[in-house]
Amino acid sequence: MALLTINQTGSIISSLNIRDIEDIEIPGLSKVEQERIGTEVKEADVQVQEKIENAKKEYLEKYQDIYIQMGLNQSFNPVAN
């Protein structure tokens, strides 16, 4: 991707010249290998999204605890479990 970005031209709309990309080697992966890689990427995406959701929940729970300690628990919506 970096090679493509370096060779882009144009100030508003980026474009690539065929000469810029004709020498880029594209791996010849079998369909099985492509599917395996695709599955790995999808699984990684799911894991990242789960971690993001867990981090958001933990963040909100910590704020809820802080508000309770400060006596402000009536001024926020509690985190749904």
Protein backbone atom coordinates (compact mmCIF):
# COMPACT_ATOMS: atom_id res chain seq x y z
CA MET A 1 0.00 0.00 0.00
CA ALA A 2 2.87 2.38 0.76
CA LEU A 3 4.22 1.92 -2.75
CA LEU A 4 0.85 2.88 -4.21
CA THR A 5 0.56 5.92 -1.95
CA ILE A 6 4.05 7.15 -2.85
CA ASN A 7 3.28 6.99 -6.57
CA GLN A 8 -0.08 8.77 -6.41
CA THR A 9 -0.39 12.01 -8.36
CA GLY A 10 -2.95 14.79 -8.32
CA SER A 11 -3.76 17.29 -5.61
CA ILE A 12 -7.49 16.80 -5.18
CA ILE A 13 -8.19 13.44 -6.77
CA SER A 14 -5.38 10.93 -6.42
CA SER A 15 -4.65 8.80 -9.45
CA LEU A 16 -2.14 6.16 -10.45
CA ASN A 17 -0.48 5.75 -13.79
CA ILE A 18 -0.40 2.23 -15.25
CA ARG A 19 3.41 2.46 -15.43
CA ASP A 20 3.47 3.02 -11.66
CA ILE A 21 1.78 -0.30 -10.93
CA GLU A 22 2.66 -2.61 -13.81
CA ASP A 23 5.80 -3.92 -12.07
CA ILE A 24 4.12 -4.66 -8.75
CA GLU A 25 4.22 -8.39 -8.13
CA ILE A 26 0.89 -9.90 -7.11
CA PRO A 27 1.12 -13.20 -5.25
CA GLY A 28 -0.69 -16.12 -6.86
CA LEU A 29 -2.49 -17.60 -3.89
CA SER A 30 -4.82 -20.55 -4.26
CA LYS A 31 -8.48 -20.05 -3.50
CA VAL A 32 -8.09 -22.17 -0.35
CA GLU A 33 -5.22 -19.96 0.85
CA GLN A 34 -7.18 -16.79 0.07
CA GLU A 35 -10.16 -18.12 2.04
CA ARG A 36 -7.91 -19.09 4.98
CA ILE A 37 -6.40 -15.61 5.07
CA GLY A 38 -9.84 -14.02 4.75
CA THR A 39 -11.11 -16.08 7.68
CA GLU A 40 -8.12 -15.04 9.80
CA VAL A 41 -8.75 -11.38 9.01
CA LYS A 42 -12.46 -11.67 9.86
CA GLU A 43 -11.68 -13.45 13.13
CA ALA A 44 -9.13 -10.77 14.03
CA ASP A 45 -11.72 -8.06 13.30
CA VAL A 46 -14.25 -9.76 15.58
CA GLN A 47 -11.67 -10.05 18.37
CA VAL A 48 -10.75 -6.36 18.05
CA GLN A 49 -14.41 -5.30 18.14
CA GLU A 50 -15.01 -7.44 21.23
CA LYS A 51 -12.01 -5.86 22.96
CA ILE A 52 -13.24 -2.37 22.05
CA GLU A 53 -16.71 -3.11 23.46
CA ASN A 54 -15.21 -4.57 26.65
CA ALA A 55 -12.95 -1.53 27.05
CA LYS A 56 -15.92 0.83 26.60
CA LYS A 57 -17.92 -1.08 29.19
CA GLU A 58 -15.02 -1.05 31.66
CA TYR A 59 -14.52 2.69 31.06
CA LEU A 60 -18.17 3.46 31.78
CA GLU A 61 -18.21 1.22 34.84
CA LYS A 62 -15.19 3.03 36.28
CA TYR A 63 -16.84 6.39 35.74
CA GLN A 64 -19.99 5.07 37.38
CA ASP A 65 -17.95 3.98 40.41
CA ILE A 66 -16.28 7.39 40.60
CA TYR A 67 -19.62 9.20 40.41
CA ILE A 68 -21.00 7.00 43.18
CA GLN A 69 -17.94 7.75 45.34
CA MET A 70 -18.51 11.46 44.74
CA GLY A 71 -22.20 11.18 45.63
CA LEU A 72 -23.24 12.08 42.11
CA ASN A 73 -24.91 8.79 41.27
CA GLN A 74 -28.24 10.53 40.64
CA SER A 75 -26.76 12.64 37.85
CA PHE A 76 -25.95 9.91 35.34
CA ASN A 77 -27.48 6.89 33.67
CA PRO A 78 -26.07 3.68 35.11
CA VAL A 79 -24.25 1.27 32.82
CA ALA A 80 -26.48 -1.52 31.58
CA ASN A 81 -25.16 -4.98 32.43
